[in-house]
Amino acid sequence: MDVQEIKPLIEAGFDNAIVRVASDDNTHFAALVVAAEFEGKRPIARHQLVYRTLGALVGNEIHALSITALTPDEWRERGEGPD
């Protein structure tokens, strides 16, 4: 798997999400997902939403996945999103 395969899978699970996926070895991945669906959810619930988009790939083709899951407001507060 590579980032170009994973990114659209995550994007398909959310409405208008911002998704960035990075990997140095195409086995261990880091994903930033900014989605309104995370509003009011704890970190574990946010991660579960992301894992759901990838299904059985996690633990198989995707050996490890580090997730940063933010709401649009949280992303803006970090100074990374548009004003």
PDB file of N, CA and C in Angstrom:
ATOM      1  N   MET A   1       0.847  -1.181   0.000  1.00  0.00           N
ATOM      2  CA  MET A   1       0.000   0.000   0.000  1.00  0.00           C
ATOM      3  C   MET A   1       0.884   1.234   0.000  1.00  0.00           C
ATOM      4  N   ASP A   2       0.369   2.269  -0.602  1.00  0.00           N
ATOM      5  CA  ASP A   2       1.081   3.538  -0.499  1.00  0.00           C
ATOM      6  C   ASP A   2       0.079   4.631  -0.157  1.00  0.00           C
ATOM      7  N   VAL A   3       0.581   5.814   0.123  1.00  0.00           N
ATOM      8  CA  VAL A   3      -0.285   6.900   0.579  1.00  0.00           C
ATOM      9  C   VAL A   3      -1.361   7.251  -0.439  1.00  0.00           C
ATOM     10  N   GLN A   4      -1.057   7.084  -1.719  1.00  0.00           N
ATOM     11  CA  GLN A   4      -2.033   7.406  -2.764  1.00  0.00           C
ATOM     12  C   GLN A   4      -3.203   6.432  -2.785  1.00  0.00           C
ATOM     13  N   GLU A   5      -3.042   5.261  -2.199  1.00  0.00           N
ATOM     14  CA  GLU A   5      -4.136   4.298  -2.094  1.00  0.00           C
ATOM     15  C   GLU A   5      -4.945   4.515  -0.815  1.00  0.00           C
ATOM     16  N   ILE A   6      -4.273   4.913   0.251  1.00  0.00           N
ATOM     17  CA  ILE A   6      -4.922   5.056   1.551  1.00  0.00           C
ATOM     18  C   ILE A   6      -5.736   6.344   1.645  1.00  0.00           C
ATOM     19  N   LYS A   7      -5.206   7.423   1.129  1.00  0.00           N
ATOM     20  CA  LYS A   7      -5.866   8.728   1.236  1.00  0.00           C
ATOM     21  C   LYS A   7      -7.305   8.703   0.719  1.00  0.00           C
ATOM     22  N   PRO A   8      -7.575   8.186  -0.486  1.00  0.00           N
ATOM     23  CA  PRO A   8      -8.961   8.188  -0.965  1.00  0.00           C
ATOM     24  C   PRO A   8      -9.888   7.274  -0.157  1.00  0.00           C
ATOM     25  N   LEU A   9      -9.358   6.228   0.436  1.00  0.00           N
ATOM     26  CA  LEU A   9     -10.184   5.359   1.277  1.00  0.00           C
ATOM     27  C   LEU A   9     -10.682   6.120   2.502  1.00  0.00           C
ATOM     28  N   ILE A  10      -9.781   6.886   3.111  1.00  0.00           N
ATOM     29  CA  ILE A  10     -10.178   7.680   4.274  1.00  0.00           C
ATOM     30  C   ILE A  10     -11.143   8.788   3.840  1.00  0.00           C
ATOM     31  N   GLU A  11     -10.818   9.476   2.753  1.00  0.00           N
ATOM     32  CA  GLU A  11     -11.676  10.560   2.267  1.00  0.00           C
ATOM     33  C   GLU A  11     -13.099  10.076   2.001  1.00  0.00           C
ATOM     34  N   ALA A  12     -13.245   8.875   1.490  1.00  0.00           N
ATOM     35  CA  ALA A  12     -14.565   8.344   1.156  1.00  0.00           C
ATOM     36  C   ALA A  12     -15.453   8.145   2.389  1.00  0.00           C
ATOM     37  N   GLY A  13     -14.830   8.039   3.561  1.00  0.00           N
ATOM     38  CA  GLY A  13     -15.588   7.812   4.784  1.00  0.00           C
ATOM     39  C   GLY A  13     -16.085   9.066   5.473  1.00  0.00           C
ATOM     40  N   PHE A  14     -15.755  10.222   4.939  1.00  0.00           N
ATOM     41  CA  PHE A  14     -16.115  11.490   5.579  1.00  0.00           C
ATOM     42  C   PHE A  14     -16.628  12.471   4.525  1.00  0.00           C
ATOM     43  N   ASP A  15     -17.430  13.429   4.989  1.00  0.00           N
ATOM     44  CA  ASP A  15     -17.902  14.496   4.107  1.00  0.00           C
ATOM     45  C   ASP A  15     -16.930  15.663   4.163  1.00  0.00           C
ATOM     46  N   ASN A  16     -16.322  15.994   3.048  1.00  0.00           N
ATOM     47  CA  ASN A  16     -15.456  17.177   2.934  1.00  0.00           C
ATOM     48  C   ASN A  16     -14.295  17.189   3.925  1.00  0.00           C
ATOM     49  N   ALA A  17     -13.719  16.053   4.197  1.00  0.00           N
ATOM     50  CA  ALA A  17     -12.583  15.982   5.119  1.00  0.00           C
ATOM     51  C   ALA A  17     -11.300  16.439   4.430  1.00  0.00           C
ATOM     52  N   ILE A  18     -10.409  16.949   5.230  1.00  0.00           N
ATOM     53  CA  ILE A  18      -9.045  17.205   4.781  1.00  0.00           C
ATOM     54  C   ILE A  18      -8.237  16.007   5.258  1.00  0.00           C
ATOM     55  N   VAL A  19      -7.569  15.334   4.343  1.00  0.00           N
ATOM     56  CA  VAL A  19      -6.819  14.123   4.680  1.00  0.00           C
ATOM     57  C   VAL A  19      -5.412  14.245   4.127  1.00  0.00           C
ATOM     58  N   ARG A  20      -4.452  14.015   5.007  1.00  0.00           N
ATOM     59  CA  ARG A  20      -3.048  13.951   4.605  1.00  0.00           C
ATOM     60  C   ARG A  20      -2.476  12.651   5.151  1.00  0.00           C
ATOM     61  N   VAL A  21      -1.815  11.912   4.297  1.00  0.00           N
ATOM     62  CA  VAL A  21      -1.222  10.639   4.706  1.00  0.00           C
ATOM     63  C   VAL A  21       0.246  10.651   4.307  1.00  0.00           C
ATOM     64  N   ALA A  22       1.098  10.216   5.229  1.00  0.00           N
ATOM     65  CA  ALA A  22       2.534  10.159   4.963  1.00  0.00           C
ATOM     66  C   ALA A  22       3.084   8.804   5.382  1.00  0.00           C
ATOM     67  N   SER A  23       4.168   8.400   4.731  1.00  0.00           N
ATOM     68  CA  SER A  23       4.854   7.155   5.075  1.00  0.00           C
ATOM     69  C   SER A  23       6.264   7.192   4.514  1.00  0.00           C
ATOM     70  N   ASP A  24       7.193   6.659   5.289  1.00  0.00           N
ATOM     71  CA  ASP A  24       8.568   6.523   4.814  1.00  0.00           C
ATOM     72  C   ASP A  24       8.823   5.153   4.196  1.00  0.00           C
ATOM     73  N   ASP A  25       7.970   4.165   4.544  1.00  0.00           N
ATOM     74  CA  ASP A  25       8.251   2.796   4.119  1.00  0.00           C
ATOM     75  C   ASP A  25       7.049   2.049   3.534  1.00  0.00           C
ATOM     76  N   ASN A  26       5.912   2.738   3.357  1.00  0.00           N
ATOM     77  CA  ASN A  26       4.689   2.131   2.844  1.00  0.00           C
ATOM     78  C   ASN A  26       4.192   0.953   3.680  1.00  0.00           C
ATOM     79  N   THR A  27       4.537   0.964   4.954  1.00  0.00           N
ATOM     80  CA  THR A  27       4.043  -0.015   5.922  1.00  0.00           C
ATOM     81  C   THR A  27       3.539   0.690   7.171  1.00  0.00           C
ATOM     82  N   HIS A  28       4.294   1.699   7.597  1.00  0.00           N
ATOM     83  CA  HIS A  28       3.947   2.523   8.759  1.00  0.00           C
ATOM     84  C   HIS A  28       3.480   3.876   8.233  1.00  0.00           C
ATOM     85  N   PHE A  29       2.276   4.282   8.650  1.00  0.00           N
ATOM     86  CA  PHE A  29       1.659   5.480   8.102  1.00  0.00           C
ATOM     87  C   PHE A  29       1.268   6.454   9.199  1.00  0.00           C
ATOM     88  N   ALA A  30       1.222   7.720   8.840  1.00  0.00           N
ATOM     89  CA  ALA A  30       0.692   8.769   9.699  1.00  0.00           C
ATOM     90  C   ALA A  30      -0.404   9.475   8.920  1.00  0.00           C
ATOM     91  N   ALA A  31      -1.550   9.658   9.554  1.00  0.00           N
ATOM     92  CA  ALA A  31      -2.670  10.316   8.888  1.00  0.00           C
ATOM     93  C   ALA A  31      -3.160  11.496   9.704  1.00  0.00           C
ATOM     94  N   LEU A  32      -3.377  12.599   9.029  1.00  0.00           N
ATOM     95  CA  LEU A  32      -4.071  13.753   9.588  1.00  0.00           C
ATOM     96  C   LEU A  32      -5.440  13.771   8.938  1.00  0.00           C
ATOM     97  N   VAL A  33      -6.478  13.756   9.756  1.00  0.00           N
ATOM     98  CA  VAL A  33      -7.834  13.807   9.233  1.00  0.00           C
ATOM     99  C   VAL A  33      -8.560  14.936   9.957  1.00  0.00           C
ATOM    100  N   VAL A  34      -9.049  15.884   9.190  1.00  0.00           N
ATOM    101  CA  VAL A  34      -9.812  17.004   9.727  1.00  0.00           C
ATOM    102  C   VAL A  34     -11.231  16.848   9.206  1.00  0.00           C
ATOM    103  N   ALA A  35     -12.177  16.599  10.135  1.00  0.00           N
ATOM    104  CA  ALA A  35     -13.546  16.319   9.710  1.00  0.00           C
ATOM    105  C   ALA A  35     -14.551  16.806  10.748  1.00  0.00           C
ATOM    106  N   ALA A  36     -15.637  17.350  10.271  1.00  0.00           N
ATOM    107  CA  ALA A  36     -16.709  17.809  11.158  1.00  0.00           C
ATOM    108  C   ALA A  36     -17.328  16.642  11.931  1.00  0.00           C
ATOM    109  N   GLU A  37     -17.247  15.438  11.388  1.00  0.00           N
ATOM    110  CA  GLU A  37     -17.814  14.262  12.063  1.00  0.00           C
ATOM    111  C   GLU A  37     -17.160  13.982  13.412  1.00  0.00           C
ATOM    112  N   PHE A  38     -16.007  14.560  13.679  1.00  0.00           N
ATOM    113  CA  PHE A  38     -15.320  14.338  14.947  1.00  0.00           C
ATOM    114  C   PHE A  38     -15.865  15.202  16.082  1.00  0.00           C
ATOM    115  N   GLU A  39     -16.672  16.191  15.745  1.00  0.00           N
ATOM    116  CA  GLU A  39     -17.208  17.107  16.748  1.00  0.00           C
ATOM    117  C   GLU A  39     -17.915  16.340  17.864  1.00  0.00           C
ATOM    118  N   GLY A  40     -17.529  16.629  19.117  1.00  0.00           N
ATOM    119  CA  GLY A  40     -18.156  16.006  20.278  1.00  0.00           C
ATOM    120  C   GLY A  40     -17.708  14.588  20.568  1.00  0.00           C
ATOM    121  N   LYS A  41     -16.746  14.075  19.809  1.00  0.00           N
ATOM    122  CA  LYS A  41     -16.274  12.694  20.015  1.00  0.00           C
ATOM    123  C   LYS A  41     -14.914  12.686  20.703  1.00  0.00           C
ATOM    124  N   ARG A  42     -14.720  11.696  21.541  1.00  0.00           N
ATOM    125  CA  ARG A  42     -13.428  11.499  22.210  1.00  0.00           C
ATOM    126  C   ARG A  42     -12.415  10.952  21.202  1.00  0.00           C
ATOM    127  N   PRO A  43     -11.118  11.077  21.519  1.00  0.00           N
ATOM    128  CA  PRO A  43     -10.094  10.602  20.579  1.00  0.00           C
ATOM    129  C   PRO A  43     -10.278   9.152  20.128  1.00  0.00           C
ATOM    130  N   ILE A  44     -10.627   8.258  21.026  1.00  0.00           N
ATOM    131  CA  ILE A  44     -10.761   6.850  20.631  1.00  0.00           C
ATOM    132  C   ILE A  44     -11.896   6.673  19.613  1.00  0.00           C
ATOM    133  N   ALA A  45     -12.990   7.391  19.794  1.00  0.00           N
ATOM    134  CA  ALA A  45     -14.105   7.295  18.842  1.00  0.00           C
ATOM    135  C   ALA A  45     -13.705   7.877  17.489  1.00  0.00           C
ATOM    136  N   ARG A  46     -12.910   8.936  17.506  1.00  0.00           N
ATOM    137  CA  ARG A  46     -12.425   9.523  16.255  1.00  0.00           C
ATOM    138  C   ARG A  46     -11.540   8.524  15.510  1.00  0.00           C
ATOM    139  N   HIS A  47     -10.643   7.880  16.236  1.00  0.00           N
ATOM    140  CA  HIS A  47      -9.751   6.899  15.619  1.00  0.00           C
ATOM    141  C   HIS A  47     -10.552   5.729  15.048  1.00  0.00           C
ATOM    142  N   GLN A  48     -11.572   5.304  15.784  1.00  0.00           N
ATOM    143  CA  GLN A  48     -12.400   4.203  15.287  1.00  0.00           C
ATOM    144  C   GLN A  48     -13.081   4.563  13.964  1.00  0.00           C
ATOM    145  N   LEU A  49     -13.507   5.813  13.834  1.00  0.00           N
ATOM    146  CA  LEU A  49     -14.107   6.248  12.565  1.00  0.00           C
ATOM    147  C   LEU A  49     -13.103   6.151  11.417  1.00  0.00           C
ATOM    148  N   VAL A  50     -11.861   6.519  11.697  1.00  0.00           N
ATOM    149  CA  VAL A  50     -10.819   6.432  10.663  1.00  0.00           C
ATOM    150  C   VAL A  50     -10.513   4.968  10.347  1.00  0.00           C
ATOM    151  N   TYR A  51     -10.340   4.146  11.387  1.00  0.00           N
ATOM    152  CA  TYR A  51     -10.065   2.723  11.163  1.00  0.00           C
ATOM    153  C   TYR A  51     -11.174   2.068  10.350  1.00  0.00           C
ATOM    154  N   ARG A  52     -12.403   2.471  10.581  1.00  0.00           N
ATOM    155  CA  ARG A  52     -13.537   1.891   9.854  1.00  0.00           C
ATOM    156  C   ARG A  52     -13.404   2.118   8.352  1.00  0.00           C
ATOM    157  N   THR A  53     -12.823   3.236   7.950  1.00  0.00           N
ATOM    158  CA  THR A  53     -12.670   3.512   6.514  1.00  0.00           C
ATOM    159  C   THR A  53     -11.658   2.574   5.863  1.00  0.00           C
ATOM    160  N   LEU A  54     -10.775   2.006   6.666  1.00  0.00           N
ATOM    161  CA  LEU A  54      -9.691   1.167   6.130  1.00  0.00           C
ATOM    162  C   LEU A  54      -9.931  -0.322   6.329  1.00  0.00           C
ATOM    163  N   GLY A  55     -10.864  -0.656   7.191  1.00  0.00           N
ATOM    164  CA  GLY A  55     -11.242  -2.049   7.399  1.00  0.00           C
ATOM    165  C   GLY A  55     -10.073  -2.975   7.697  1.00  0.00           C
ATOM    166  N   ALA A  56     -10.053  -4.125   7.020  1.00  0.00           N
ATOM    167  CA  ALA A  56      -9.074  -5.177   7.267  1.00  0.00           C
ATOM    168  C   ALA A  56      -7.657  -4.807   6.831  1.00  0.00           C
ATOM    169  N   LEU A  57      -7.493  -3.673   6.146  1.00  0.00           N
ATOM    170  CA  LEU A  57      -6.137  -3.269   5.754  1.00  0.00           C
ATOM    171  C   LEU A  57      -5.270  -2.963   6.975  1.00  0.00           C
ATOM    172  N   VAL A  58      -5.920  -2.452   8.043  1.00  0.00           N
ATOM    173  CA  VAL A  58      -5.182  -2.131   9.260  1.00  0.00           C
ATOM    174  C   VAL A  58      -4.766  -3.439   9.930  1.00  0.00           C
ATOM    175  N   GLY A  59      -3.486  -3.542  10.197  1.00  0.00           N
ATOM    176  CA  GLY A  59      -2.948  -4.765  10.783  1.00  0.00           C
ATOM    177  C   GLY A  59      -2.449  -5.739   9.732  1.00  0.00           C
ATOM    178  N   ASN A  60      -2.760  -5.469   8.491  1.00  0.00           N
ATOM    179  CA  ASN A  60      -2.287  -6.308   7.395  1.00  0.00           C
ATOM    180  C   ASN A  60      -1.389  -5.473   6.491  1.00  0.00           C
ATOM    181  N   GLU A  61      -1.940  -4.948   5.397  1.00  0.00           N
ATOM    182  CA  GLU A  61      -1.140  -4.106   4.511  1.00  0.00           C
ATOM    183  C   GLU A  61      -0.663  -2.833   5.203  1.00  0.00           C
ATOM    184  N   ILE A  62      -1.499  -2.330   6.118  1.00  0.00           N
ATOM    185  CA  ILE A  62      -1.116  -1.167   6.929  1.00  0.00           C
ATOM    186  C   ILE A  62      -0.688  -1.704   8.280  1.00  0.00           C
ATOM    187  N   HIS A  63       0.614  -1.824   8.464  1.00  0.00           N
ATOM    188  CA  HIS A  63       1.126  -2.424   9.691  1.00  0.00           C
ATOM    189  C   HIS A  63       0.873  -1.523  10.897  1.00  0.00           C
ATOM    190  N   ALA A  64       1.065  -0.227  10.731  1.00  0.00           N
ATOM    191  CA  ALA A  64       0.860   0.722  11.825  1.00  0.00           C
ATOM    192  C   ALA A  64       0.317   2.028  11.257  1.00  0.00           C
ATOM    193  N   LEU A  65      -0.585   2.643  12.028  1.00  0.00           N
ATOM    194  CA  LEU A  65      -1.192   3.895  11.594  1.00  0.00           C
ATOM    195  C   LEU A  65      -1.281   4.842  12.781  1.00  0.00           C
ATOM    196  N   SER A  66      -0.598   5.954  12.673  1.00  0.00           N
ATOM    197  CA  SER A  66      -0.683   7.024  13.659  1.00  0.00           C
ATOM    198  C   SER A  66      -1.708   8.022  13.145  1.00  0.00           C
ATOM    199  N   ILE A  67      -2.690   8.365  13.994  1.00  0.00           N
ATOM    200  CA  ILE A  67      -3.789   9.220  13.550  1.00  0.00           C
ATOM    201  C   ILE A  67      -3.841  10.503  14.360  1.00  0.00           C
ATOM    202  N   THR A  68      -3.928  11.614  13.659  1.00  0.00           N
ATOM    203  CA  THR A  68      -4.289  12.893  14.260  1.00  0.00           C
ATOM    204  C   THR A  68      -5.651  13.230  13.693  1.00  0.00           C
ATOM    205  N   ALA A  69      -6.673  13.230  14.554  1.00  0.00           N
ATOM    206  CA  ALA A  69      -8.052  13.433  14.125  1.00  0.00           C
ATOM    207  C   ALA A  69      -8.580  14.706  14.785  1.00  0.00           C
ATOM    208  N   LEU A  70      -8.839  15.719  13.971  1.00  0.00           N
ATOM    209  CA  LEU A  70      -9.238  17.025  14.478  1.00  0.00           C
ATOM    210  C   LEU A  70     -10.533  17.497  13.842  1.00  0.00           C
ATOM    211  N   THR A  71     -11.272  18.318  14.591  1.00  0.00           N
ATOM    212  CA  THR A  71     -12.399  19.024  13.992  1.00  0.00           C
ATOM    213  C   THR A  71     -11.828  20.223  13.235  1.00  0.00           C
ATOM    214  N   PRO A  72     -12.601  20.803  12.328  1.00  0.00           N
ATOM    215  CA  PRO A  72     -12.109  21.999  11.631  1.00  0.00           C
ATOM    216  C   PRO A  72     -11.723  23.131  12.595  1.00  0.00           C
ATOM    217  N   ASP A  73     -12.493  23.327  13.666  1.00  0.00           N
ATOM    218  CA  ASP A  73     -12.161  24.367  14.645  1.00  0.00           C
ATOM    219  C   ASP A  73     -10.837  24.073  15.347  1.00  0.00           C
ATOM    220  N   GLU A  74     -10.620  22.822  15.723  1.00  0.00           N
ATOM    221  CA  GLU A  74      -9.358  22.451  16.375  1.00  0.00           C
ATOM    222  C   GLU A  74      -8.175  22.683  15.439  1.00  0.00           C
ATOM    223  N   TRP A  75      -8.368  22.378  14.176  1.00  0.00           N
ATOM    224  CA  TRP A  75      -7.298  22.559  13.194  1.00  0.00           C
ATOM    225  C   TRP A  75      -6.955  24.035  13.060  1.00  0.00           C
ATOM    226  N   ARG A  76      -7.995  24.876  12.997  1.00  0.00           N
ATOM    227  CA  ARG A  76      -7.773  26.330  12.917  1.00  0.00           C
ATOM    228  C   ARG A  76      -7.087  26.852  14.168  1.00  0.00           C
ATOM    229  N   GLU A  77      -7.491  26.348  15.338  1.00  0.00           N
ATOM    230  CA  GLU A  77      -6.887  26.772  16.615  1.00  0.00           C
ATOM    231  C   GLU A  77      -5.400  26.461  16.661  1.00  0.00           C
ATOM    232  N   ARG A  78      -4.997  25.415  16.003  1.00  0.00           N
ATOM    233  CA  ARG A  78      -3.570  25.059  15.930  1.00  0.00           C
ATOM    234  C   ARG A  78      -2.821  25.935  14.947  1.00  0.00           C
ATOM    235  N   GLY A  79      -3.563  26.762  14.229  1.00  0.00           N
ATOM    236  CA  GLY A  79      -2.932  27.647  13.251  1.00  0.00           C
ATOM    237  C   GLY A  79      -2.605  26.975  11.944  1.00  0.00           C
ATOM    238  N   GLU A  80      -3.203  25.804  11.707  1.00  0.00           N
ATOM    239  CA  GLU A  80      -2.884  25.058  10.489  1.00  0.00           C
ATOM    240  C   GLU A  80      -3.968  25.177   9.427  1.00  0.00           C
ATOM    241  N   GLY A  81      -5.180  25.468   9.839  1.00  0.00           N
ATOM    242  CA  GLY A  81      -6.283  25.528   8.897  1.00  0.00           C
ATOM    243  C   GLY A  81      -6.523  26.942   8.413  1.00  0.00           C
ATOM    244  N   PRO A  82      -7.416  27.080   7.439  1.00  0.00           N
ATOM    245  CA  PRO A  82      -7.751  28.412   6.939  1.00  0.00           C
ATOM    246  C   PRO A  82      -8.508  29.186   8.011  1.00  0.00           C
ATOM    247  N   ASP A  83      -8.378  30.484   7.984  1.00  0.00           N
ATOM    248  CA  ASP A  83      -9.079  31.325   8.971  1.00  0.00           C
ATOM    249  C   ASP A  83     -10.561  31.397   8.709  1.00  0.00           C
TER     250      ASP A  83
END
